[in-house]
Amino acid sequence: MLFASLCTAIGQLLWKLSNADLNGYLVIGFLFYGAGAVLMIVAFRFGSLSVLHPLLSIGYVIAVLLGVFILQEEITSINIVGTLLIMVGATLIGGGDH
């Protein structure tokens, strides 16, 4: 599920880089996003929905990091707090059903 989140975040980054033009970034972005969706389907087949679905929130953490390091976006203290809360929540829920 974490790899699915990575693929979808990379796909979204590539969509952003395409500037809404039909170019390689857009096409490859769709491929990454599609691969992430397929990986989610496979993960849901073998895991518990209540555990796996919240792990998709890690995609938001990855998106923030990609925005900061690749797009040179500015991150605020509230972004940091929110990102940390997502990470804590995903860690607590990702522990499993037991």
C-alpha atoms as a PDB file:
ATOM      1  CA  MET A   1       0.000   0.000   0.000  1.00  0.00           C
ATOM      2  CA  LEU A   2       2.909   2.337   0.690  1.00  0.00           C
ATOM      3  CA  PHE A   3       4.295   1.698  -2.794  1.00  0.00           C
ATOM      4  CA  ALA A   4       0.825   2.391  -4.221  1.00  0.00           C
ATOM      5  CA  SER A   5       0.840   5.728  -2.374  1.00  0.00           C
ATOM      6  CA  LEU A   6       4.273   6.516  -3.799  1.00  0.00           C
ATOM      7  CA  CYS A   7       3.128   5.714  -7.340  1.00  0.00           C
ATOM      8  CA  THR A   8       0.013   7.872  -7.098  1.00  0.00           C
ATOM      9  CA  ALA A   9       1.972  10.781  -5.594  1.00  0.00           C
ATOM     10  CA  ILE A  10       4.561  10.583  -8.377  1.00  0.00           C
ATOM     11  CA  GLY A  11       1.750  10.430 -10.939  1.00  0.00           C
ATOM     12  CA  GLN A  12       0.216  13.585  -9.492  1.00  0.00           C
ATOM     13  CA  LEU A  13       3.597  15.331  -9.503  1.00  0.00           C
ATOM     14  CA  LEU A  14       4.021  14.490 -13.168  1.00  0.00           C
ATOM     15  CA  TRP A  15       0.541  15.840 -13.903  1.00  0.00           C
ATOM     16  CA  LYS A  16       1.579  19.094 -12.240  1.00  0.00           C
ATOM     17  CA  LEU A  17       4.782  19.193 -14.276  1.00  0.00           C
ATOM     18  CA  SER A  18       2.817  18.692 -17.497  1.00  0.00           C
ATOM     19  CA  ASN A  19       1.132  22.103 -17.078  1.00  0.00           C
ATOM     20  CA  ALA A  20      -2.115  20.509 -18.355  1.00  0.00           C
ATOM     21  CA  ASP A  21      -0.540  19.941 -21.776  1.00  0.00           C
ATOM     22  CA  LEU A  22      -0.652  16.591 -23.529  1.00  0.00           C
ATOM     23  CA  ASN A  23       3.001  15.630 -23.206  1.00  0.00           C
ATOM     24  CA  GLY A  24       5.241  12.913 -21.789  1.00  0.00           C
ATOM     25  CA  TYR A  25       4.828  14.080 -18.204  1.00  0.00           C
ATOM     26  CA  LEU A  26       1.063  13.727 -18.432  1.00  0.00           C
ATOM     27  CA  VAL A  27       1.178  10.284 -20.047  1.00  0.00           C
ATOM     28  CA  ILE A  28       3.792   8.915 -17.644  1.00  0.00           C
ATOM     29  CA  GLY A  29       1.844  10.474 -14.762  1.00  0.00           C
ATOM     30  CA  PHE A  30      -1.239   8.507 -15.801  1.00  0.00           C
ATOM     31  CA  LEU A  31       0.861   5.339 -15.973  1.00  0.00           C
ATOM     32  CA  PHE A  32       2.208   5.887 -12.454  1.00  0.00           C
ATOM     33  CA  TYR A  33      -1.236   6.704 -11.107  1.00  0.00           C
ATOM     34  CA  GLY A  34      -2.704   3.645 -12.832  1.00  0.00           C
ATOM     35  CA  ALA A  35       0.034   1.425 -11.423  1.00  0.00           C
ATOM     36  CA  GLY A  36      -0.736   2.794  -7.961  1.00  0.00           C
ATOM     37  CA  ALA A  37      -4.428   1.989  -8.433  1.00  0.00           C
ATOM     38  CA  VAL A  38      -3.643  -1.579  -9.512  1.00  0.00           C
ATOM     39  CA  LEU A  39      -1.342  -2.023  -6.518  1.00  0.00           C
ATOM     40  CA  MET A  40      -4.136  -0.788  -4.240  1.00  0.00           C
ATOM     41  CA  ILE A  41      -6.537  -3.344  -5.692  1.00  0.00           C
ATOM     42  CA  VAL A  42      -4.017  -6.135  -5.121  1.00  0.00           C
ATOM     43  CA  ALA A  43      -3.307  -4.967  -1.574  1.00  0.00           C
ATOM     44  CA  PHE A  44      -7.019  -4.783  -0.753  1.00  0.00           C
ATOM     45  CA  ARG A  45      -7.425  -8.353  -1.944  1.00  0.00           C
ATOM     46  CA  PHE A  46      -4.938  -9.613   0.629  1.00  0.00           C
ATOM     47  CA  GLY A  47      -5.346  -7.172   3.502  1.00  0.00           C
ATOM     48  CA  SER A  48      -7.937  -5.624   5.735  1.00  0.00           C
ATOM     49  CA  LEU A  49      -9.649  -2.532   4.337  1.00  0.00           C
ATOM     50  CA  SER A  50      -9.752  -0.836   7.740  1.00  0.00           C
ATOM     51  CA  VAL A  51      -5.967  -1.089   8.013  1.00  0.00           C
ATOM     52  CA  LEU A  52      -4.891  -0.580   4.413  1.00  0.00           C
ATOM     53  CA  HIS A  53      -7.081   2.325   3.348  1.00  0.00           C
ATOM     54  CA  PRO A  54      -5.793   4.733   6.033  1.00  0.00           C
ATOM     55  CA  LEU A  55      -2.253   3.951   4.861  1.00  0.00           C
ATOM     56  CA  LEU A  56      -3.081   5.732   1.612  1.00  0.00           C
ATOM     57  CA  SER A  57      -2.748   8.966   3.603  1.00  0.00           C
ATOM     58  CA  ILE A  58       1.009   8.468   3.350  1.00  0.00           C
ATOM     59  CA  GLY A  59       0.528   9.704  -0.209  1.00  0.00           C
ATOM     60  CA  TYR A  60      -0.100  13.166   1.253  1.00  0.00           C
ATOM     61  CA  VAL A  61       3.215  13.000   3.108  1.00  0.00           C
ATOM     62  CA  ILE A  62       4.998  11.956  -0.073  1.00  0.00           C
ATOM     63  CA  ALA A  63       3.262  14.748  -2.019  1.00  0.00           C
ATOM     64  CA  VAL A  64       4.453  17.354   0.500  1.00  0.00           C
ATOM     65  CA  LEU A  65       8.014  16.063   0.243  1.00  0.00           C
ATOM     66  CA  LEU A  66       7.907  16.022  -3.563  1.00  0.00           C
ATOM     67  CA  GLY A  67       6.510  19.549  -3.562  1.00  0.00           C
ATOM     68  CA  VAL A  68       9.264  20.808  -1.299  1.00  0.00           C
ATOM     69  CA  PHE A  69      12.209  19.047  -2.920  1.00  0.00           C
ATOM     70  CA  ILE A  70      11.212  18.962  -6.596  1.00  0.00           C
ATOM     71  CA  LEU A  71       8.854  21.899  -7.053  1.00  0.00           C
ATOM     72  CA  GLN A  72      10.655  24.094  -4.502  1.00  0.00           C
ATOM     73  CA  GLU A  73       7.354  24.809  -2.729  1.00  0.00           C
ATOM     74  CA  GLU A  74       7.453  26.471   0.633  1.00  0.00           C
ATOM     75  CA  ILE A  75       6.369  24.439   3.644  1.00  0.00           C
ATOM     76  CA  THR A  76       4.824  26.161   6.643  1.00  0.00           C
ATOM     77  CA  SER A  77       4.816  25.121  10.264  1.00  0.00           C
ATOM     78  CA  ILE A  78       1.161  24.087   9.978  1.00  0.00           C
ATOM     79  CA  ASN A  79       2.099  21.856   7.008  1.00  0.00           C
ATOM     80  CA  ILE A  80       4.760  20.222   9.150  1.00  0.00           C
ATOM     81  CA  VAL A  81       2.332  19.654  12.035  1.00  0.00           C
ATOM     82  CA  GLY A  82      -0.297  18.202   9.698  1.00  0.00           C
ATOM     83  CA  THR A  83       2.239  15.949   8.006  1.00  0.00           C
ATOM     84  CA  LEU A  84       3.486  14.674  11.362  1.00  0.00           C
ATOM     85  CA  LEU A  85      -0.087  13.958  12.476  1.00  0.00           C
ATOM     86  CA  ILE A  86      -0.714  11.977   9.292  1.00  0.00           C
ATOM     87  CA  MET A  87       2.452   9.975   9.910  1.00  0.00           C
ATOM     88  CA  VAL A  88       1.497   9.242  13.524  1.00  0.00           C
ATOM     89  CA  GLY A  89      -2.015   8.196  12.519  1.00  0.00           C
ATOM     90  CA  ALA A  90      -0.801   5.962   9.706  1.00  0.00           C
ATOM     91  CA  THR A  91       1.718   4.359  12.055  1.00  0.00           C
ATOM     92  CA  LEU A  92      -0.915   3.669  14.700  1.00  0.00           C
ATOM     93  CA  ILE A  93      -3.473   2.294  12.245  1.00  0.00           C
ATOM     94  CA  GLY A  94      -0.893   0.472  10.127  1.00  0.00           C
ATOM     95  CA  GLY A  95      -0.079  -1.756  13.091  1.00  0.00           C
ATOM     96  CA  GLY A  96      -2.894  -4.043  12.058  1.00  0.00           C
ATOM     97  CA  ASP A  97      -6.173  -5.380  13.347  1.00  0.00           C
ATOM     98  CA  HIS A  98      -4.771  -7.099  16.372  1.00  0.00           C
END
